[in-house]
Amino acid sequence: MTVNLDRGVAMSQALLVIDVQHGLFATEPPPADADRVIAAINDLTERARRDGVPVIYVQHERAGQMEPDSAAWQLDGRLQLADGDRRIRKTTPDSFLRTGLDEVLAFLGVQELVVCGYASEFCVDTTVRSAAAHGYAVILAADAHTTHDKAHASAAQIRQHHNATLPAITSFGPRIRALAAADIAFTEQVVFA
């Protein structure tokens, strides 16, 4: 295998944490199972870092509600962040659209994304589909994404629906799986110096 050291380290996985931000979680009521979801995310990020898997936080921006650098835009204070974590800003539900995420993943040699965060039916769903369309295999952390209850369905029903339907999509080519966070195994990464 030829490795271009100017491109960075060769890695096959990355963990993507979507929109776990103060303005989306410090609400009344909060997203369903918010504390448990954040605990599962923190467990995933700790294990990913231990195995050399990059952790990427995505932060949504929206004029009037999630202004960049505002208190609402900040990552939720319960998240356990580390110096080497990366950040991506987005303005649509798609973490790939006009963000540079695909370029960052290519630079890191990522082939598979583990996805968690907020909101199950919007940004998580759209990003999972977009990741598969960009050629990435996806593992959806089935109990580490959440949303708010809606008039038509509870947050638990929405999460269950996405855990069942996203893995059923095969037309993109890359495989989409939904696994409990505790069952997700990160592969130890080979780093070239």
C-alpha atoms as a PDB file:
ATOM      1  CA  MET A   1       0.000   0.000   0.000  1.00  0.00           C
ATOM      2  CA  THR A   2       1.304   3.439  -0.909  1.00  0.00           C
ATOM      3  CA  VAL A   3       0.713   6.144   1.663  1.00  0.00           C
ATOM      4  CA  ASN A   4       1.033   9.830   0.924  1.00  0.00           C
ATOM      5  CA  LEU A   5       2.275  11.232   4.226  1.00  0.00           C
ATOM      6  CA  ASP A   6       1.436  14.767   3.087  1.00  0.00           C
ATOM      7  CA  ARG A   7      -2.248  13.804   3.223  1.00  0.00           C
ATOM      8  CA  GLY A   8      -2.150  12.919   6.916  1.00  0.00           C
ATOM      9  CA  VAL A   9      -2.774   9.661   8.730  1.00  0.00           C
ATOM     10  CA  ALA A  10      -4.493   6.640   7.202  1.00  0.00           C
ATOM     11  CA  MET A  11      -7.731   5.895   9.067  1.00  0.00           C
ATOM     12  CA  SER A  12     -10.745   3.858   8.187  1.00  0.00           C
ATOM     13  CA  GLN A  13     -13.354   5.114  10.696  1.00  0.00           C
ATOM     14  CA  ALA A  14     -14.539   8.409  12.142  1.00  0.00           C
ATOM     15  CA  LEU A  15     -17.171   9.262  14.761  1.00  0.00           C
ATOM     16  CA  LEU A  16     -19.583  12.029  13.771  1.00  0.00           C
ATOM     17  CA  VAL A  17     -21.532  13.746  16.584  1.00  0.00           C
ATOM     18  CA  ILE A  18     -24.291  15.869  15.064  1.00  0.00           C
ATOM     19  CA  ASP A  19     -25.847  19.004  16.608  1.00  0.00           C
ATOM     20  CA  VAL A  20     -25.581  18.213  20.328  1.00  0.00           C
ATOM     21  CA  GLN A  21     -25.796  21.921  21.076  1.00  0.00           C
ATOM     22  CA  HIS A  22     -27.009  23.976  24.007  1.00  0.00           C
ATOM     23  CA  GLY A  23     -29.892  25.593  22.099  1.00  0.00           C
ATOM     24  CA  LEU A  24     -31.253  22.199  21.055  1.00  0.00           C
ATOM     25  CA  PHE A  25     -30.800  20.360  24.363  1.00  0.00           C
ATOM     26  CA  ALA A  26     -31.489  23.109  26.952  1.00  0.00           C
ATOM     27  CA  THR A  27     -35.174  23.151  26.016  1.00  0.00           C
ATOM     28  CA  GLU A  28     -38.320  22.395  27.951  1.00  0.00           C
ATOM     29  CA  PRO A  29     -38.918  19.585  27.523  1.00  0.00           C
ATOM     30  CA  PRO A  30     -35.448  18.430  26.479  1.00  0.00           C
ATOM     31  CA  PRO A  31     -34.974  15.883  23.698  1.00  0.00           C
ATOM     32  CA  ALA A  32     -36.037  12.360  24.641  1.00  0.00           C
ATOM     33  CA  ASP A  33     -33.584  10.516  26.890  1.00  0.00           C
ATOM     34  CA  ALA A  34     -31.141  13.424  26.563  1.00  0.00           C
ATOM     35  CA  ASP A  35     -28.959  12.462  29.542  1.00  0.00           C
ATOM     36  CA  ARG A  36     -28.741   8.814  28.456  1.00  0.00           C
ATOM     37  CA  VAL A  37     -28.002   9.787  24.832  1.00  0.00           C
ATOM     38  CA  ILE A  38     -25.228  12.168  25.893  1.00  0.00           C
ATOM     39  CA  ALA A  39     -23.774   9.485  28.189  1.00  0.00           C
ATOM     40  CA  ALA A  40     -23.745   7.051  25.248  1.00  0.00           C
ATOM     41  CA  ILE A  41     -22.092   9.682  23.046  1.00  0.00           C
ATOM     42  CA  ASN A  42     -19.436  10.316  25.703  1.00  0.00           C
ATOM     43  CA  ASP A  43     -18.755   6.586  25.899  1.00  0.00           C
ATOM     44  CA  LEU A  44     -18.427   6.433  22.102  1.00  0.00           C
ATOM     45  CA  THR A  45     -16.065   9.418  21.965  1.00  0.00           C
ATOM     46  CA  GLU A  46     -13.883   8.006  24.745  1.00  0.00           C
ATOM     47  CA  ARG A  47     -13.581   4.622  23.017  1.00  0.00           C
ATOM     48  CA  ALA A  48     -13.007   6.236  19.611  1.00  0.00           C
ATOM     49  CA  ARG A  49     -10.175   8.400  20.908  1.00  0.00           C
ATOM     50  CA  ARG A  50      -8.618   5.425  22.725  1.00  0.00           C
ATOM     51  CA  ASP A  51      -8.510   3.538  19.419  1.00  0.00           C
ATOM     52  CA  GLY A  52      -7.202   6.486  17.426  1.00  0.00           C
ATOM     53  CA  VAL A  53     -10.506   7.129  15.635  1.00  0.00           C
ATOM     54  CA  PRO A  54     -11.130  10.820  14.896  1.00  0.00           C
ATOM     55  CA  VAL A  55     -14.079  12.493  16.614  1.00  0.00           C
ATOM     56  CA  ILE A  56     -15.872  15.193  14.614  1.00  0.00           C
ATOM     57  CA  TYR A  57     -18.519  17.465  16.128  1.00  0.00           C
ATOM     58  CA  VAL A  58     -20.999  19.087  13.749  1.00  0.00           C
ATOM     59  CA  GLN A  59     -22.637  22.355  14.829  1.00  0.00           C
ATOM     60  CA  HIS A  60     -25.736  23.727  13.138  1.00  0.00           C
ATOM     61  CA  GLU A  61     -26.015  27.452  12.441  1.00  0.00           C
ATOM     62  CA  ARG A  62     -29.271  29.308  11.830  1.00  0.00           C
ATOM     63  CA  ALA A  63     -29.864  33.045  11.756  1.00  0.00           C
ATOM     64  CA  GLY A  64     -31.862  34.253  14.729  1.00  0.00           C
ATOM     65  CA  GLN A  65     -31.734  30.947  16.640  1.00  0.00           C
ATOM     66  CA  MET A  66     -28.333  29.269  16.400  1.00  0.00           C
ATOM     67  CA  GLU A  67     -26.075  32.205  15.599  1.00  0.00           C
ATOM     68  CA  PRO A  68     -22.411  31.193  15.298  1.00  0.00           C
ATOM     69  CA  ASP A  69     -20.540  31.580  18.595  1.00  0.00           C
ATOM     70  CA  SER A  70     -23.759  32.331  20.524  1.00  0.00           C
ATOM     71  CA  ALA A  71     -24.638  30.452  23.719  1.00  0.00           C
ATOM     72  CA  ALA A  72     -27.274  28.409  21.843  1.00  0.00           C
ATOM     73  CA  TRP A  73     -24.714  27.401  19.186  1.00  0.00           C
ATOM     74  CA  GLN A  74     -22.181  26.038  21.709  1.00  0.00           C
ATOM     75  CA  LEU A  75     -21.830  22.295  22.194  1.00  0.00           C
ATOM     76  CA  ASP A  76     -23.779  20.928  25.166  1.00  0.00           C
ATOM     77  CA  GLY A  77     -21.724  21.288  28.336  1.00  0.00           C
ATOM     78  CA  ARG A  78     -22.179  17.613  29.255  1.00  0.00           C
ATOM     79  CA  LEU A  79     -20.148  16.465  26.252  1.00  0.00           C
ATOM     80  CA  GLN A  80     -16.612  15.359  27.067  1.00  0.00           C
ATOM     81  CA  LEU A  81     -14.479  17.178  24.501  1.00  0.00           C
ATOM     82  CA  ALA A  82     -10.786  16.667  23.765  1.00  0.00           C
ATOM     83  CA  ASP A  83      -8.156  18.889  22.154  1.00  0.00           C
ATOM     84  CA  GLY A  84      -7.777  16.702  19.050  1.00  0.00           C
ATOM     85  CA  ASP A  85     -11.490  16.707  18.189  1.00  0.00           C
ATOM     86  CA  ARG A  86     -12.508  18.396  14.963  1.00  0.00           C
ATOM     87  CA  ARG A  87     -15.460  20.729  14.366  1.00  0.00           C
ATOM     88  CA  ILE A  88     -17.599  21.266  11.283  1.00  0.00           C
ATOM     89  CA  ARG A  89     -20.187  24.027  10.838  1.00  0.00           C
ATOM     90  CA  LYS A  90     -23.329  23.466   8.774  1.00  0.00           C
ATOM     91  CA  THR A  91     -26.429  25.389   7.746  1.00  0.00           C
ATOM     92  CA  THR A  92     -28.609  22.546   6.400  1.00  0.00           C
ATOM     93  CA  PRO A  93     -29.614  19.117   7.751  1.00  0.00           C
ATOM     94  CA  ASP A  94     -26.875  17.584   5.550  1.00  0.00           C
ATOM     95  CA  SER A  95     -23.501  17.585   7.321  1.00  0.00           C
ATOM     96  CA  PHE A  96     -21.812  17.214   3.899  1.00  0.00           C
ATOM     97  CA  LEU A  97     -23.507  20.082   2.021  1.00  0.00           C
ATOM     98  CA  ARG A  98     -21.175  23.104   1.729  1.00  0.00           C
ATOM     99  CA  THR A  99     -19.206  22.111   4.858  1.00  0.00           C
ATOM    100  CA  GLY A 100     -15.930  20.533   3.743  1.00  0.00           C
ATOM    101  CA  LEU A 101     -16.723  17.354   5.718  1.00  0.00           C
ATOM    102  CA  ASP A 102     -16.100  15.108   2.718  1.00  0.00           C
ATOM    103  CA  GLU A 103     -12.670  16.686   2.218  1.00  0.00           C
ATOM    104  CA  VAL A 104     -11.774  16.213   5.899  1.00  0.00           C
ATOM    105  CA  LEU A 105     -12.825  12.557   5.763  1.00  0.00           C
ATOM    106  CA  ALA A 106     -10.870  11.997   2.546  1.00  0.00           C
ATOM    107  CA  PHE A 107      -7.798  13.631   4.122  1.00  0.00           C
ATOM    108  CA  LEU A 108      -8.110  11.231   7.066  1.00  0.00           C
ATOM    109  CA  GLY A 109      -8.672   8.195   4.837  1.00  0.00           C
ATOM    110  CA  VAL A 110     -12.083   7.479   6.386  1.00  0.00           C
ATOM    111  CA  GLN A 111     -14.205   4.749   4.822  1.00  0.00           C
ATOM    112  CA  GLU A 112     -16.816   4.227   7.557  1.00  0.00           C
ATOM    113  CA  LEU A 113     -18.705   6.718   9.712  1.00  0.00           C
ATOM    114  CA  VAL A 114     -20.269   6.091  13.100  1.00  0.00           C
ATOM    115  CA  VAL A 115     -23.111   8.607  13.438  1.00  0.00           C
ATOM    116  CA  CYS A 116     -24.935   9.866  16.531  1.00  0.00           C
ATOM    117  CA  GLY A 117     -26.565  13.077  17.764  1.00  0.00           C
ATOM    118  CA  TYR A 118     -29.635  15.211  17.068  1.00  0.00           C
ATOM    119  CA  ALA A 119     -32.262  15.208  15.426  1.00  0.00           C
ATOM    120  CA  SER A 120     -33.104  11.670  14.399  1.00  0.00           C
ATOM    121  CA  GLU A 121     -35.559  12.611  11.640  1.00  0.00           C
ATOM    122  CA  PHE A 122     -33.701  15.631  10.284  1.00  0.00           C
ATOM    123  CA  CYS A 123     -29.938  16.057  10.540  1.00  0.00           C
ATOM    124  CA  VAL A 124     -29.111  12.479  11.574  1.00  0.00           C
ATOM    125  CA  ASP A 125     -31.304  10.961   8.856  1.00  0.00           C
ATOM    126  CA  THR A 126     -30.108  13.351   6.143  1.00  0.00           C
ATOM    127  CA  THR A 127     -26.440  12.942   7.067  1.00  0.00           C
ATOM    128  CA  VAL A 128     -26.651   9.133   7.138  1.00  0.00           C
ATOM    129  CA  ARG A 129     -28.202   9.120   3.657  1.00  0.00           C
ATOM    130  CA  SER A 130     -25.681  11.662   2.379  1.00  0.00           C
ATOM    131  CA  ALA A 131     -22.768   9.712   3.841  1.00  0.00           C
ATOM    132  CA  ALA A 132     -23.903   6.580   1.994  1.00  0.00           C
ATOM    133  CA  ALA A 133     -24.360   8.627  -1.199  1.00  0.00           C
ATOM    134  CA  HIS A 134     -20.768   9.874  -0.770  1.00  0.00           C
ATOM    135  CA  GLY A 135     -19.579   6.259  -0.577  1.00  0.00           C
ATOM    136  CA  TYR A 136     -19.134   5.823   3.184  1.00  0.00           C
ATOM    137  CA  ALA A 137     -20.333   2.770   5.080  1.00  0.00           C
ATOM    138  CA  VAL A 138     -22.382   3.953   8.067  1.00  0.00           C
ATOM    139  CA  ILE A 139     -23.048   2.664  11.558  1.00  0.00           C
ATOM    140  CA  LEU A 140     -25.937   4.520  13.182  1.00  0.00           C
ATOM    141  CA  ALA A 141     -25.550   4.435  16.968  1.00  0.00           C
ATOM    142  CA  ALA A 142     -29.121   3.270  17.562  1.00  0.00           C
ATOM    143  CA  ASP A 143     -29.429   4.542  21.137  1.00  0.00           C
ATOM    144  CA  ALA A 144     -27.189   7.607  20.777  1.00  0.00           C
ATOM    145  CA  HIS A 145     -29.440   9.775  18.628  1.00  0.00           C
ATOM    146  CA  THR A 146     -32.553  11.588  19.728  1.00  0.00           C
ATOM    147  CA  THR A 147     -35.167  14.181  18.928  1.00  0.00           C
ATOM    148  CA  HIS A 148     -38.150  15.891  20.524  1.00  0.00           C
ATOM    149  CA  ASP A 149     -41.634  14.382  20.610  1.00  0.00           C
ATOM    150  CA  LYS A 150     -43.744  15.495  17.642  1.00  0.00           C
ATOM    151  CA  ALA A 151     -47.530  15.721  17.220  1.00  0.00           C
ATOM    152  CA  HIS A 152     -47.519  12.688  14.912  1.00  0.00           C
ATOM    153  CA  ALA A 153     -45.044  10.451  16.798  1.00  0.00           C
ATOM    154  CA  SER A 154     -43.065  10.264  20.007  1.00  0.00           C
ATOM    155  CA  ALA A 155     -39.299  10.705  19.928  1.00  0.00           C
ATOM    156  CA  ALA A 156     -38.928   7.017  20.798  1.00  0.00           C
ATOM    157  CA  GLN A 157     -41.082   6.053  17.809  1.00  0.00           C
ATOM    158  CA  ILE A 158     -39.098   8.366  15.528  1.00  0.00           C
ATOM    159  CA  ARG A 159     -35.791   6.896  16.722  1.00  0.00           C
ATOM    160  CA  GLN A 160     -37.113   3.338  16.315  1.00  0.00           C
ATOM    161  CA  HIS A 161     -38.390   4.154  12.813  1.00  0.00           C
ATOM    162  CA  HIS A 162     -35.006   5.473  11.679  1.00  0.00           C
ATOM    163  CA  ASN A 163     -33.126   2.580  13.293  1.00  0.00           C
ATOM    164  CA  ALA A 164     -35.317   0.231  11.232  1.00  0.00           C
ATOM    165  CA  THR A 165     -35.580   2.090   7.922  1.00  0.00           C
ATOM    166  CA  LEU A 166     -32.094   3.505   7.343  1.00  0.00           C
ATOM    167  CA  PRO A 167     -30.404   0.057   7.353  1.00  0.00           C
ATOM    168  CA  ALA A 168     -33.039  -1.105   4.842  1.00  0.00           C
ATOM    169  CA  ILE A 169     -31.678   1.319   2.226  1.00  0.00           C
ATOM    170  CA  THR A 170     -29.391  -0.604  -0.101  1.00  0.00           C
ATOM    171  CA  SER A 171     -29.528   1.494  -3.267  1.00  0.00           C
ATOM    172  CA  PHE A 172     -26.577   3.725  -2.269  1.00  0.00           C
ATOM    173  CA  GLY A 173     -24.218   0.750  -2.267  1.00  0.00           C
ATOM    174  CA  PRO A 174     -22.375   1.191   1.042  1.00  0.00           C
ATOM    175  CA  ARG A 175     -23.910  -0.655   3.961  1.00  0.00           C
ATOM    176  CA  ILE A 176     -25.885   1.186   6.656  1.00  0.00           C
ATOM    177  CA  ARG A 177     -26.208  -0.582  10.007  1.00  0.00           C
ATOM    178  CA  ALA A 178     -27.915   0.405  13.267  1.00  0.00           C
ATOM    179  CA  LEU A 179     -26.169  -0.905  16.385  1.00  0.00           C
ATOM    180  CA  ALA A 180     -26.464  -0.119  20.081  1.00  0.00           C
ATOM    181  CA  ALA A 181     -23.643   2.222  21.091  1.00  0.00           C
ATOM    182  CA  ALA A 182     -22.165  -0.380  23.445  1.00  0.00           C
ATOM    183  CA  ASP A 183     -21.970  -2.883  20.568  1.00  0.00           C
ATOM    184  CA  ILE A 184     -20.009  -0.591  18.259  1.00  0.00           C
ATOM    185  CA  ALA A 185     -16.413  -1.715  17.975  1.00  0.00           C
ATOM    186  CA  PHE A 186     -13.877   0.796  16.773  1.00  0.00           C
ATOM    187  CA  THR A 187     -10.995  -0.689  14.851  1.00  0.00           C
ATOM    188  CA  GLU A 188      -7.634   0.328  16.154  1.00  0.00           C
ATOM    189  CA  GLN A 189      -6.235   2.716  13.598  1.00  0.00           C
ATOM    190  CA  VAL A 190      -2.854   2.435  11.918  1.00  0.00           C
ATOM    191  CA  VAL A 191      -1.088   5.755  12.060  1.00  0.00           C
ATOM    192  CA  PHE A 192       1.809   6.429   9.706  1.00  0.00           C
ATOM    193  CA  ALA A 193       4.444   8.777  11.013  1.00  0.00           C
END
